[in-house]
């Protein structure tokens, strides 16, 4: 079942069946939902990109949708490769003037896919510390969510390491209170805009708070908001040496996944590249994960790497 509410961007007449993000998650019942597109059609496109074969491909990746993190300028390239959805930066969309955003929105709505997820939610504002400007932050969050929703946002990834970092000497518990307060307010905004926030764990080089899946789950449960859950980023999982088994414990809270080869943060291409690949995908299958898995690999290119990477995901998700 999609996270989209009844209020949203125009959709085509041919839409596929509803699907849920997590096989046993009950929290989705509190969100008004509708499907986003005909998955079968784009699975066929994906099959062409992966194997050069036409025909039905819905069963190839089961209930997992594949997306890619790239700038707005590369949107059409993702469509050509047959990705299920696109994941640009929310901060990039927020920085566009009205004309530039209207042009981007028109490009998206002409296409068979949408920007189902967004990353880099907050860059120009502080969430914790003594320099927080609540009114400016509130206005930014609402404006950004409104724009992202217009092009199909269902999941707003909350990494934003610079915005959430605890400043030196600032009381950590006070910072955590600020973070919880922000997420509750942002969760209310997400509910109004028909999306969910996914707290992302970040490696310690990028953030000094919420570095593990376990910490992200604990924070989400403290916030206790139906529109605030977590995502799991495989790159950060490996960089903090966290066991993929933690995903099973967190399965009811996971709404989205990010993925990159942890050696160089590049596009994954071969099962033997990393010893935990098969472990990770076994957990994904066992938890009956239903949702998006986005390639977030800044050190590579869609043009050169996408075809091999799509073959890799076909193999890994098939088991």
C-alpha atoms as a PDB file:
ATOM      1  CA  UNK A   1       0.000   0.000   0.000  1.00  0.00           C
ATOM      2  CA  UNK A   2       1.389   3.395  -0.959  1.00  0.00           C
ATOM      3  CA  UNK A   3       1.898   6.054   1.662  1.00  0.00           C
ATOM      4  CA  UNK A   4       0.155   8.593  -0.529  1.00  0.00           C
ATOM      5  CA  UNK A   5      -3.032  10.133   0.736  1.00  0.00           C
ATOM      6  CA  UNK A   6      -6.029  10.992  -1.395  1.00  0.00           C
ATOM      7  CA  UNK A   7      -4.603  14.466  -1.916  1.00  0.00           C
ATOM      8  CA  UNK A   8      -1.686  14.352  -4.290  1.00  0.00           C
ATOM      9  CA  UNK A   9      -0.304  14.856  -7.772  1.00  0.00           C
ATOM     10  CA  UNK A  10      -2.263  13.744 -10.812  1.00  0.00           C
ATOM     11  CA  UNK A  11      -2.084  10.026 -11.471  1.00  0.00           C
ATOM     12  CA  UNK A  12      -2.629   7.991 -14.570  1.00  0.00           C
ATOM     13  CA  UNK A  13      -5.759   5.930 -15.010  1.00  0.00           C
ATOM     14  CA  UNK A  14      -3.890   2.598 -15.031  1.00  0.00           C
ATOM     15  CA  UNK A  15      -2.630   1.934 -11.517  1.00  0.00           C
ATOM     16  CA  UNK A  16      -1.522  -1.297  -9.957  1.00  0.00           C
ATOM     17  CA  UNK A  17      -2.802  -2.977  -6.810  1.00  0.00           C
ATOM     18  CA  UNK A  18      -2.197  -1.489  -3.392  1.00  0.00           C
ATOM     19  CA  UNK A  19       0.885  -2.636  -1.534  1.00  0.00           C
ATOM     20  CA  UNK A  20       2.248  -1.993   1.961  1.00  0.00           C
ATOM     21  CA  UNK A  21       5.725  -1.021   3.039  1.00  0.00           C
ATOM     22  CA  UNK A  22       6.074  -3.669   5.676  1.00  0.00           C
ATOM     23  CA  UNK A  23       4.266  -6.954   5.701  1.00  0.00           C
ATOM     24  CA  UNK A  24       3.240  -6.800   9.360  1.00  0.00           C
ATOM     25  CA  UNK A  25       3.356  -3.069  10.102  1.00  0.00           C
ATOM     26  CA  UNK A  26       0.129  -1.820  11.646  1.00  0.00           C
ATOM     27  CA  UNK A  27       1.028   1.865  11.718  1.00  0.00           C
ATOM     28  CA  UNK A  28       0.145   2.319   8.039  1.00  0.00           C
ATOM     29  CA  UNK A  29      -3.504   1.909   8.899  1.00  0.00           C
ATOM     30  CA  UNK A  30      -3.447   5.477  10.265  1.00  0.00           C
ATOM     31  CA  UNK A  31      -2.356   6.954   6.915  1.00  0.00           C
ATOM     32  CA  UNK A  32      -4.709   7.552   4.007  1.00  0.00           C
ATOM     33  CA  UNK A  33      -3.192   5.677   1.087  1.00  0.00           C
ATOM     34  CA  UNK A  34      -3.445   5.022  -2.623  1.00  0.00           C
ATOM     35  CA  UNK A  35      -1.161   3.406  -5.195  1.00  0.00           C
ATOM     36  CA  UNK A  36       1.173   5.516  -7.306  1.00  0.00           C
ATOM     37  CA  UNK A  37       1.520   3.748 -10.599  1.00  0.00           C
ATOM     38  CA  UNK A  38       1.204   0.588 -12.650  1.00  0.00           C
ATOM     39  CA  UNK A  39       4.122  -1.374 -11.227  1.00  0.00           C
ATOM     40  CA  UNK A  40       3.786  -4.113 -13.808  1.00  0.00           C
ATOM     41  CA  UNK A  41       4.498  -1.720 -16.669  1.00  0.00           C
ATOM     42  CA  UNK A  42       7.713  -0.447 -15.138  1.00  0.00           C
ATOM     43  CA  UNK A  43       8.809  -3.910 -14.068  1.00  0.00           C
ATOM     44  CA  UNK A  44       8.747  -4.719 -17.780  1.00  0.00           C
ATOM     45  CA  UNK A  45      10.917  -1.673 -18.446  1.00  0.00           C
ATOM     46  CA  UNK A  46      13.268  -2.824 -15.692  1.00  0.00           C
ATOM     47  CA  UNK A  47      13.493  -6.250 -17.240  1.00  0.00           C
ATOM     48  CA  UNK A  48      14.559  -4.662 -20.510  1.00  0.00           C
ATOM     49  CA  UNK A  49      17.283  -2.679 -18.788  1.00  0.00           C
ATOM     50  CA  UNK A  50      18.531  -5.698 -16.884  1.00  0.00           C
ATOM     51  CA  UNK A  51      18.325  -8.538 -19.352  1.00  0.00           C
ATOM     52  CA  UNK A  52      17.185  -7.114 -22.652  1.00  0.00           C
ATOM     53  CA  UNK A  53      14.059  -9.241 -22.421  1.00  0.00           C
ATOM     54  CA  UNK A  54      10.479  -8.148 -22.853  1.00  0.00           C
ATOM     55  CA  UNK A  55       7.519  -9.364 -20.896  1.00  0.00           C
ATOM     56  CA  UNK A  56       6.199  -9.627 -17.406  1.00  0.00           C
ATOM     57  CA  UNK A  57       8.710  -8.718 -14.683  1.00  0.00           C
ATOM     58  CA  UNK A  58       6.598  -7.986 -11.609  1.00  0.00           C
ATOM     59  CA  UNK A  59       7.786 -11.120  -9.835  1.00  0.00           C
ATOM     60  CA  UNK A  60      11.435 -10.405 -10.556  1.00  0.00           C
ATOM     61  CA  UNK A  61      11.963  -8.129  -7.570  1.00  0.00           C
ATOM     62  CA  UNK A  62       8.946  -9.217  -5.568  1.00  0.00           C
ATOM     63  CA  UNK A  63       7.556  -6.391  -3.462  1.00  0.00           C
ATOM     64  CA  UNK A  64      10.688  -4.220  -3.571  1.00  0.00           C
ATOM     65  CA  UNK A  65      10.765  -1.111  -5.751  1.00  0.00           C
ATOM     66  CA  UNK A  66      14.133   0.160  -6.993  1.00  0.00           C
ATOM     67  CA  UNK A  67      15.039   3.840  -7.106  1.00  0.00           C
ATOM     68  CA  UNK A  68      18.121   5.990  -7.495  1.00  0.00           C
ATOM     69  CA  UNK A  69      19.482   9.078  -5.741  1.00  0.00           C
ATOM     70  CA  UNK A  70      20.557  11.665  -8.309  1.00  0.00           C
ATOM     71  CA  UNK A  71      20.169  15.418  -8.964  1.00  0.00           C
ATOM     72  CA  UNK A  72      16.964  16.665 -10.554  1.00  0.00           C
ATOM     73  CA  UNK A  73      18.781  17.133 -13.868  1.00  0.00           C
ATOM     74  CA  UNK A  74      19.184  13.351 -14.315  1.00  0.00           C
ATOM     75  CA  UNK A  75      15.518  12.458 -13.882  1.00  0.00           C
ATOM     76  CA  UNK A  76      14.884  11.364 -17.484  1.00  0.00           C
ATOM     77  CA  UNK A  77      17.910   9.084 -17.385  1.00  0.00           C
ATOM     78  CA  UNK A  78      16.387   7.186 -14.462  1.00  0.00           C
ATOM     79  CA  UNK A  79      13.134   6.834 -16.413  1.00  0.00           C
ATOM     80  CA  UNK A  80      15.042   5.426 -19.391  1.00  0.00           C
ATOM     81  CA  UNK A  81      16.713   2.784 -17.221  1.00  0.00           C
ATOM     82  CA  UNK A  82      13.323   1.702 -15.882  1.00  0.00           C
ATOM     83  CA  UNK A  83      13.675   2.623 -12.225  1.00  0.00           C
ATOM     84  CA  UNK A  84      10.451   2.497 -10.222  1.00  0.00           C
ATOM     85  CA  UNK A  85      10.931   5.930  -8.679  1.00  0.00           C
ATOM     86  CA  UNK A  86      13.421   8.769  -8.241  1.00  0.00           C
ATOM     87  CA  UNK A  87      14.987  10.193  -5.077  1.00  0.00           C
ATOM     88  CA  UNK A  88      16.375  13.735  -5.461  1.00  0.00           C
ATOM     89  CA  UNK A  89      17.444  16.124  -2.704  1.00  0.00           C
ATOM     90  CA  UNK A  90      14.658  17.969  -0.908  1.00  0.00           C
ATOM     91  CA  UNK A  91      17.050  20.867  -0.333  1.00  0.00           C
ATOM     92  CA  UNK A  92      17.584  21.155  -4.104  1.00  0.00           C
ATOM     93  CA  UNK A  93      13.842  21.289  -4.722  1.00  0.00           C
ATOM     94  CA  UNK A  94      13.407  23.840  -1.919  1.00  0.00           C
ATOM     95  CA  UNK A  95      16.082  26.096  -3.433  1.00  0.00           C
ATOM     96  CA  UNK A  96      14.445  26.252  -6.877  1.00  0.00           C
ATOM     97  CA  UNK A  97      12.619  29.417  -7.805  1.00  0.00           C
ATOM     98  CA  UNK A  98       8.957  29.007  -8.748  1.00  0.00           C
ATOM     99  CA  UNK A  99       9.701  28.779 -12.457  1.00  0.00           C
ATOM    100  CA  UNK A 100      12.391  26.139 -12.102  1.00  0.00           C
ATOM    101  CA  UNK A 101      10.197  24.057  -9.801  1.00  0.00           C
ATOM    102  CA  UNK A 102       7.251  24.304 -12.209  1.00  0.00           C
ATOM    103  CA  UNK A 103       9.466  23.009 -15.018  1.00  0.00           C
ATOM    104  CA  UNK A 104      10.753  20.114 -12.891  1.00  0.00           C
ATOM    105  CA  UNK A 105       7.240  19.225 -11.772  1.00  0.00           C
ATOM    106  CA  UNK A 106       6.058  19.185 -15.387  1.00  0.00           C
ATOM    107  CA  UNK A 107       8.906  16.812 -16.329  1.00  0.00           C
ATOM    108  CA  UNK A 108       7.994  14.450 -13.506  1.00  0.00           C
ATOM    109  CA  UNK A 109       4.260  14.432 -14.154  1.00  0.00           C
ATOM    110  CA  UNK A 110       4.834  13.726 -17.863  1.00  0.00           C
ATOM    111  CA  UNK A 111       6.791  10.604 -16.931  1.00  0.00           C
ATOM    112  CA  UNK A 112       5.628   7.133 -15.803  1.00  0.00           C
ATOM    113  CA  UNK A 113       7.397   7.476 -12.430  1.00  0.00           C
ATOM    114  CA  UNK A 114       7.411   9.905  -9.503  1.00  0.00           C
ATOM    115  CA  UNK A 115       9.818  11.175  -6.875  1.00  0.00           C
ATOM    116  CA  UNK A 116       8.608   8.752  -4.258  1.00  0.00           C
ATOM    117  CA  UNK A 117      11.361   9.610  -1.765  1.00  0.00           C
ATOM    118  CA  UNK A 118      13.566  12.594  -0.992  1.00  0.00           C
ATOM    119  CA  UNK A 119      16.871  12.862   0.844  1.00  0.00           C
ATOM    120  CA  UNK A 120      18.947  15.808   2.156  1.00  0.00           C
ATOM    121  CA  UNK A 121      15.865  17.179   3.862  1.00  0.00           C
ATOM    122  CA  UNK A 122      17.489  20.042   5.787  1.00  0.00           C
ATOM    123  CA  UNK A 123      20.783  21.743   5.016  1.00  0.00           C
ATOM    124  CA  UNK A 124      20.386  25.472   5.615  1.00  0.00           C
ATOM    125  CA  UNK A 125      18.802  25.325   9.080  1.00  0.00           C
ATOM    126  CA  UNK A 126      19.771  24.029  12.511  1.00  0.00           C
ATOM    127  CA  UNK A 127      17.604  21.589  14.428  1.00  0.00           C
ATOM    128  CA  UNK A 128      19.609  21.427  17.644  1.00  0.00           C
ATOM    129  CA  UNK A 129      21.843  23.850  19.523  1.00  0.00           C
ATOM    130  CA  UNK A 130      21.610  27.512  20.361  1.00  0.00           C
ATOM    131  CA  UNK A 131      21.126  28.744  16.777  1.00  0.00           C
ATOM    132  CA  UNK A 132      17.749  27.152  16.059  1.00  0.00           C
ATOM    133  CA  UNK A 133      15.230  29.555  14.481  1.00  0.00           C
ATOM    134  CA  UNK A 134      11.897  27.766  15.019  1.00  0.00           C
ATOM    135  CA  UNK A 135       9.738  30.002  12.822  1.00  0.00           C
ATOM    136  CA  UNK A 136      12.118  29.817   9.863  1.00  0.00           C
ATOM    137  CA  UNK A 137      12.510  26.066  10.313  1.00  0.00           C
ATOM    138  CA  UNK A 138       8.735  25.552  10.478  1.00  0.00           C
ATOM    139  CA  UNK A 139       8.208  27.575   7.303  1.00  0.00           C
ATOM    140  CA  UNK A 140      10.968  25.692   5.476  1.00  0.00           C
ATOM    141  CA  UNK A 141       9.621  22.274   6.459  1.00  0.00           C
ATOM    142  CA  UNK A 142       6.093  23.040   5.308  1.00  0.00           C
ATOM    143  CA  UNK A 143       7.114  24.672   2.045  1.00  0.00           C
ATOM    144  CA  UNK A 144       9.563  21.897   1.217  1.00  0.00           C
ATOM    145  CA  UNK A 145       7.123  19.110   2.027  1.00  0.00           C
ATOM    146  CA  UNK A 146       4.412  20.766  -0.035  1.00  0.00           C
ATOM    147  CA  UNK A 147       6.684  20.937  -3.076  1.00  0.00           C
ATOM    148  CA  UNK A 148       7.977  17.407  -2.669  1.00  0.00           C
ATOM    149  CA  UNK A 149       4.446  16.102  -2.333  1.00  0.00           C
ATOM    150  CA  UNK A 150       3.500  17.705  -5.638  1.00  0.00           C
ATOM    151  CA  UNK A 151       5.966  15.409  -7.409  1.00  0.00           C
ATOM    152  CA  UNK A 152       4.988  12.318  -5.447  1.00  0.00           C
ATOM    153  CA  UNK A 153       6.874  12.216  -2.152  1.00  0.00           C
ATOM    154  CA  UNK A 154       5.867   9.362   0.133  1.00  0.00           C
ATOM    155  CA  UNK A 155       9.028   9.106   2.272  1.00  0.00           C
ATOM    156  CA  UNK A 156      11.084  12.070   3.483  1.00  0.00           C
ATOM    157  CA  UNK A 157      14.470  10.719   4.549  1.00  0.00           C
ATOM    158  CA  UNK A 158      15.827  12.498   7.607  1.00  0.00           C
ATOM    159  CA  UNK A 159      19.599  12.241   7.608  1.00  0.00           C
ATOM    160  CA  UNK A 160      20.647  15.913   7.633  1.00  0.00           C
ATOM    161  CA  UNK A 161      23.791  15.338   9.678  1.00  0.00           C
ATOM    162  CA  UNK A 162      24.865  18.980   9.692  1.00  0.00           C
ATOM    163  CA  UNK A 163      21.471  20.162  10.885  1.00  0.00           C
ATOM    164  CA  UNK A 164      21.162  17.625  13.683  1.00  0.00           C
ATOM    165  CA  UNK A 165      24.775  17.552  14.943  1.00  0.00           C
ATOM    166  CA  UNK A 166      25.117  18.455  18.612  1.00  0.00           C
ATOM    167  CA  UNK A 167      27.395  21.526  18.903  1.00  0.00           C
ATOM    168  CA  UNK A 168      30.512  21.232  21.104  1.00  0.00           C
ATOM    169  CA  UNK A 169      29.671  21.962  24.742  1.00  0.00           C
ATOM    170  CA  UNK A 170      25.921  21.906  24.164  1.00  0.00           C
ATOM    171  CA  UNK A 171      24.049  19.662  26.638  1.00  0.00           C
ATOM    172  CA  UNK A 172      23.346  16.423  24.840  1.00  0.00           C
ATOM    173  CA  UNK A 173      20.041  15.709  26.574  1.00  0.00           C
ATOM    174  CA  UNK A 174      18.804  19.173  25.674  1.00  0.00           C
ATOM    175  CA  UNK A 175      19.818  18.479  22.076  1.00  0.00           C
ATOM    176  CA  UNK A 176      17.868  15.225  22.150  1.00  0.00           C
ATOM    177  CA  UNK A 177      14.834  17.079  23.498  1.00  0.00           C
ATOM    178  CA  UNK A 178      15.124  19.496  20.579  1.00  0.00           C
ATOM    179  CA  UNK A 179      15.449  16.616  18.133  1.00  0.00           C
ATOM    180  CA  UNK A 180      12.386  14.851  19.537  1.00  0.00           C
ATOM    181  CA  UNK A 181      10.398  18.094  19.465  1.00  0.00           C
ATOM    182  CA  UNK A 182      11.409  18.759  15.864  1.00  0.00           C
ATOM    183  CA  UNK A 183      10.411  15.272  14.757  1.00  0.00           C
ATOM    184  CA  UNK A 184       6.992  15.485  16.421  1.00  0.00           C
ATOM    185  CA  UNK A 185       6.302  18.810  14.695  1.00  0.00           C
ATOM    186  CA  UNK A 186       7.692  17.516  11.389  1.00  0.00           C
ATOM    187  CA  UNK A 187       5.579  14.382  11.809  1.00  0.00           C
ATOM    188  CA  UNK A 188       2.473  16.568  12.052  1.00  0.00           C
ATOM    189  CA  UNK A 189       3.542  18.343   8.858  1.00  0.00           C
ATOM    190  CA  UNK A 190       4.217  15.005   7.164  1.00  0.00           C
ATOM    191  CA  UNK A 191       0.725  13.805   8.089  1.00  0.00           C
ATOM    192  CA  UNK A 192      -0.807  16.949   6.573  1.00  0.00           C
ATOM    193  CA  UNK A 193       1.174  16.435   3.373  1.00  0.00           C
ATOM    194  CA  UNK A 194       0.495  12.690   3.075  1.00  0.00           C
ATOM    195  CA  UNK A 195       3.997  11.355   3.693  1.00  0.00           C
ATOM    196  CA  UNK A 196       6.130   9.741   6.377  1.00  0.00           C
ATOM    197  CA  UNK A 197       9.533  10.771   7.770  1.00  0.00           C
ATOM    198  CA  UNK A 198      12.244   8.115   7.892  1.00  0.00           C
ATOM    199  CA  UNK A 199      15.019   8.728  10.427  1.00  0.00           C
ATOM    200  CA  UNK A 200      18.312   7.665   8.854  1.00  0.00           C
ATOM    201  CA  UNK A 201      21.251   6.370  10.840  1.00  0.00           C
ATOM    202  CA  UNK A 202      24.506   8.042   9.777  1.00  0.00           C
ATOM    203  CA  UNK A 203      28.116   7.000  10.272  1.00  0.00           C
ATOM    204  CA  UNK A 204      30.035   8.919  12.933  1.00  0.00           C
ATOM    205  CA  UNK A 205      32.039  10.823  10.314  1.00  0.00           C
ATOM    206  CA  UNK A 206      28.801  12.502   9.198  1.00  0.00           C
ATOM    207  CA  UNK A 207      26.879  12.921  12.447  1.00  0.00           C
ATOM    208  CA  UNK A 208      27.552  12.795  16.172  1.00  0.00           C
ATOM    209  CA  UNK A 209      24.033  11.628  16.973  1.00  0.00           C
ATOM    210  CA  UNK A 210      21.885   8.652  15.816  1.00  0.00           C
ATOM    211  CA  UNK A 211      24.639   6.511  14.305  1.00  0.00           C
ATOM    212  CA  UNK A 212      23.003   3.072  14.399  1.00  0.00           C
ATOM    213  CA  UNK A 213      19.735   1.483  13.369  1.00  0.00           C
ATOM    214  CA  UNK A 214      19.116   0.684  17.024  1.00  0.00           C
ATOM    215  CA  UNK A 215      19.453   4.356  17.975  1.00  0.00           C
ATOM    216  CA  UNK A 216      17.158   5.412  15.132  1.00  0.00           C
ATOM    217  CA  UNK A 217      14.503   2.939  16.280  1.00  0.00           C
ATOM    218  CA  UNK A 218      14.799   4.134  19.887  1.00  0.00           C
ATOM    219  CA  UNK A 219      14.358   7.741  18.792  1.00  0.00           C
ATOM    220  CA  UNK A 220      11.349   6.946  16.597  1.00  0.00           C
ATOM    221  CA  UNK A 221       9.681   5.123  19.454  1.00  0.00           C
ATOM    222  CA  UNK A 222      10.375   7.983  21.854  1.00  0.00           C
ATOM    223  CA  UNK A 223       8.823  10.407  19.371  1.00  0.00           C
ATOM    224  CA  UNK A 224       5.851   8.038  19.103  1.00  0.00           C
ATOM    225  CA  UNK A 225       4.347   9.673  16.021  1.00  0.00           C
ATOM    226  CA  UNK A 226       2.616   7.546  13.361  1.00  0.00           C
ATOM    227  CA  UNK A 227       4.324   9.511  10.581  1.00  0.00           C
ATOM    228  CA  UNK A 228       7.858   9.198  11.996  1.00  0.00           C
ATOM    229  CA  UNK A 229       9.641   5.890  11.337  1.00  0.00           C
ATOM    230  CA  UNK A 230      13.139   4.885  10.166  1.00  0.00           C
ATOM    231  CA  UNK A 231      15.092   3.962   7.075  1.00  0.00           C
ATOM    232  CA  UNK A 232      18.106   1.666   6.946  1.00  0.00           C
ATOM    233  CA  UNK A 233      21.163   2.696   4.939  1.00  0.00           C
ATOM    234  CA  UNK A 234      23.382  -0.290   4.123  1.00  0.00           C
ATOM    235  CA  UNK A 235      26.496   1.864   3.654  1.00  0.00           C
ATOM    236  CA  UNK A 236      26.171   3.385   7.132  1.00  0.00           C
ATOM    237  CA  UNK A 237      25.202   0.004   8.598  1.00  0.00           C
ATOM    238  CA  UNK A 238      28.500  -1.462   7.427  1.00  0.00           C
ATOM    239  CA  UNK A 239      30.584   1.565   8.383  1.00  0.00           C
ATOM    240  CA  UNK A 240      29.382   1.295  11.994  1.00  0.00           C
ATOM    241  CA  UNK A 241      29.804  -2.514  11.980  1.00  0.00           C
ATOM    242  CA  UNK A 242      26.160  -3.082  12.863  1.00  0.00           C
ATOM    243  CA  UNK A 243      24.817  -6.578  12.286  1.00  0.00           C
ATOM    244  CA  UNK A 244      22.102  -6.701   9.583  1.00  0.00           C
ATOM    245  CA  UNK A 245      20.061  -8.829  11.994  1.00  0.00           C
ATOM    246  CA  UNK A 246      19.082  -5.544  13.674  1.00  0.00           C
ATOM    247  CA  UNK A 247      16.711  -5.045  10.735  1.00  0.00           C
ATOM    248  CA  UNK A 248      14.591  -7.978  11.848  1.00  0.00           C
ATOM    249  CA  UNK A 249      14.107  -6.399  15.253  1.00  0.00           C
ATOM    250  CA  UNK A 250      13.271  -3.061  13.590  1.00  0.00           C
ATOM    251  CA  UNK A 251      11.110  -4.501  10.799  1.00  0.00           C
ATOM    252  CA  UNK A 252       7.883  -2.815  11.927  1.00  0.00           C
ATOM    253  CA  UNK A 253       9.572   0.604  11.878  1.00  0.00           C
ATOM    254  CA  UNK A 254      11.381   0.437   8.516  1.00  0.00           C
ATOM    255  CA  UNK A 255       9.773   2.360   5.651  1.00  0.00           C
ATOM    256  CA  UNK A 256      12.685   2.749   3.231  1.00  0.00           C
ATOM    257  CA  UNK A 257      16.171   1.475   2.360  1.00  0.00           C
ATOM    258  CA  UNK A 258      19.356   3.024   0.946  1.00  0.00           C
ATOM    259  CA  UNK A 259      22.164   1.007  -0.578  1.00  0.00           C
ATOM    260  CA  UNK A 260      25.747   1.400  -1.800  1.00  0.00           C
ATOM    261  CA  UNK A 261      28.848  -0.746  -1.933  1.00  0.00           C
ATOM    262  CA  UNK A 262      30.580   0.197   1.342  1.00  0.00           C
ATOM    263  CA  UNK A 263      33.973  -0.011  -0.377  1.00  0.00           C
ATOM    264  CA  UNK A 264      34.082   3.438  -1.937  1.00  0.00           C
ATOM    265  CA  UNK A 265      30.363   4.192  -1.741  1.00  0.00           C
ATOM    266  CA  UNK A 266      29.937   3.089  -5.331  1.00  0.00           C
ATOM    267  CA  UNK A 267      27.184   1.254  -7.235  1.00  0.00           C
ATOM    268  CA  UNK A 268      27.007  -2.414  -6.181  1.00  0.00           C
ATOM    269  CA  UNK A 269      27.631  -4.864  -9.018  1.00  0.00           C
ATOM    270  CA  UNK A 270      28.721  -8.283  -7.733  1.00  0.00           C
ATOM    271  CA  UNK A 271      27.604 -10.395  -4.748  1.00  0.00           C
ATOM    272  CA  UNK A 272      31.193 -11.067  -3.716  1.00  0.00           C
ATOM    273  CA  UNK A 273      32.023  -7.365  -3.280  1.00  0.00           C
ATOM    274  CA  UNK A 274      30.970  -7.386   0.364  1.00  0.00           C
ATOM    275  CA  UNK A 275      30.651 -10.327   2.771  1.00  0.00           C
ATOM    276  CA  UNK A 276      27.368  -9.040   4.259  1.00  0.00           C
ATOM    277  CA  UNK A 277      25.412  -8.533   1.025  1.00  0.00           C
ATOM    278  CA  UNK A 278      23.670 -11.902   1.143  1.00  0.00           C
ATOM    279  CA  UNK A 279      22.978 -11.568   4.862  1.00  0.00           C
ATOM    280  CA  UNK A 280      21.317  -8.176   4.317  1.00  0.00           C
ATOM    281  CA  UNK A 281      19.122  -9.346   1.446  1.00  0.00           C
ATOM    282  CA  UNK A 282      18.142 -12.506   3.289  1.00  0.00           C
ATOM    283  CA  UNK A 283      16.771 -10.316   6.091  1.00  0.00           C
ATOM    284  CA  UNK A 284      14.981  -8.104   3.533  1.00  0.00           C
ATOM    285  CA  UNK A 285      13.247 -11.178   2.138  1.00  0.00           C
ATOM    286  CA  UNK A 286      12.486 -12.754   5.519  1.00  0.00           C
ATOM    287  CA  UNK A 287      10.900  -9.597   6.892  1.00  0.00           C
ATOM    288  CA  UNK A 288       8.669  -9.446   3.797  1.00  0.00           C
ATOM    289  CA  UNK A 289       9.798  -5.892   3.164  1.00  0.00           C
ATOM    290  CA  UNK A 290       7.473  -3.968   0.862  1.00  0.00           C
ATOM    291  CA  UNK A 291       8.795  -0.587  -0.182  1.00  0.00           C
ATOM    292  CA  UNK A 292      11.597   1.319  -1.820  1.00  0.00           C
ATOM    293  CA  UNK A 293      15.277   0.470  -2.052  1.00  0.00           C
ATOM    294  CA  UNK A 294      17.323   3.370  -3.398  1.00  0.00           C
ATOM    295  CA  UNK A 295      20.823   3.246  -4.804  1.00  0.00           C
ATOM    296  CA  UNK A 296      22.673   6.108  -3.117  1.00  0.00           C
ATOM    297  CA  UNK A 297      26.150   5.889  -4.612  1.00  0.00           C
ATOM    298  CA  UNK A 298      27.697   9.318  -5.229  1.00  0.00           C
ATOM    299  CA  UNK A 299      30.946   7.807  -6.510  1.00  0.00           C
ATOM    300  CA  UNK A 300      29.764   6.472  -9.830  1.00  0.00           C
ATOM    301  CA  UNK A 301      27.375   7.273 -12.633  1.00  0.00           C
ATOM    302  CA  UNK A 302      24.012   6.014 -13.750  1.00  0.00           C
ATOM    303  CA  UNK A 303      25.149   5.861 -17.361  1.00  0.00           C
ATOM    304  CA  UNK A 304      28.119   3.587 -16.636  1.00  0.00           C
ATOM    305  CA  UNK A 305      26.917   1.615 -13.622  1.00  0.00           C
ATOM    306  CA  UNK A 306      23.127   1.212 -13.704  1.00  0.00           C
ATOM    307  CA  UNK A 307      22.846  -1.844 -15.937  1.00  0.00           C
ATOM    308  CA  UNK A 308      25.302  -3.957 -13.930  1.00  0.00           C
ATOM    309  CA  UNK A 309      23.781  -2.757 -10.672  1.00  0.00           C
ATOM    310  CA  UNK A 310      20.269  -3.696 -11.753  1.00  0.00           C
ATOM    311  CA  UNK A 311      21.489  -7.205 -12.546  1.00  0.00           C
ATOM    312  CA  UNK A 312      23.016  -7.338  -9.072  1.00  0.00           C
ATOM    313  CA  UNK A 313      19.737  -6.397  -7.384  1.00  0.00           C
ATOM    314  CA  UNK A 314      17.818  -8.907  -9.488  1.00  0.00           C
ATOM    315  CA  UNK A 315      20.104 -11.655  -8.218  1.00  0.00           C
ATOM    316  CA  UNK A 316      20.170 -10.513  -4.597  1.00  0.00           C
ATOM    317  CA  UNK A 317      16.434 -10.018  -4.270  1.00  0.00           C
ATOM    318  CA  UNK A 318      15.686 -13.337  -5.921  1.00  0.00           C
ATOM    319  CA  UNK A 319      17.637 -15.135  -3.173  1.00  0.00           C
END
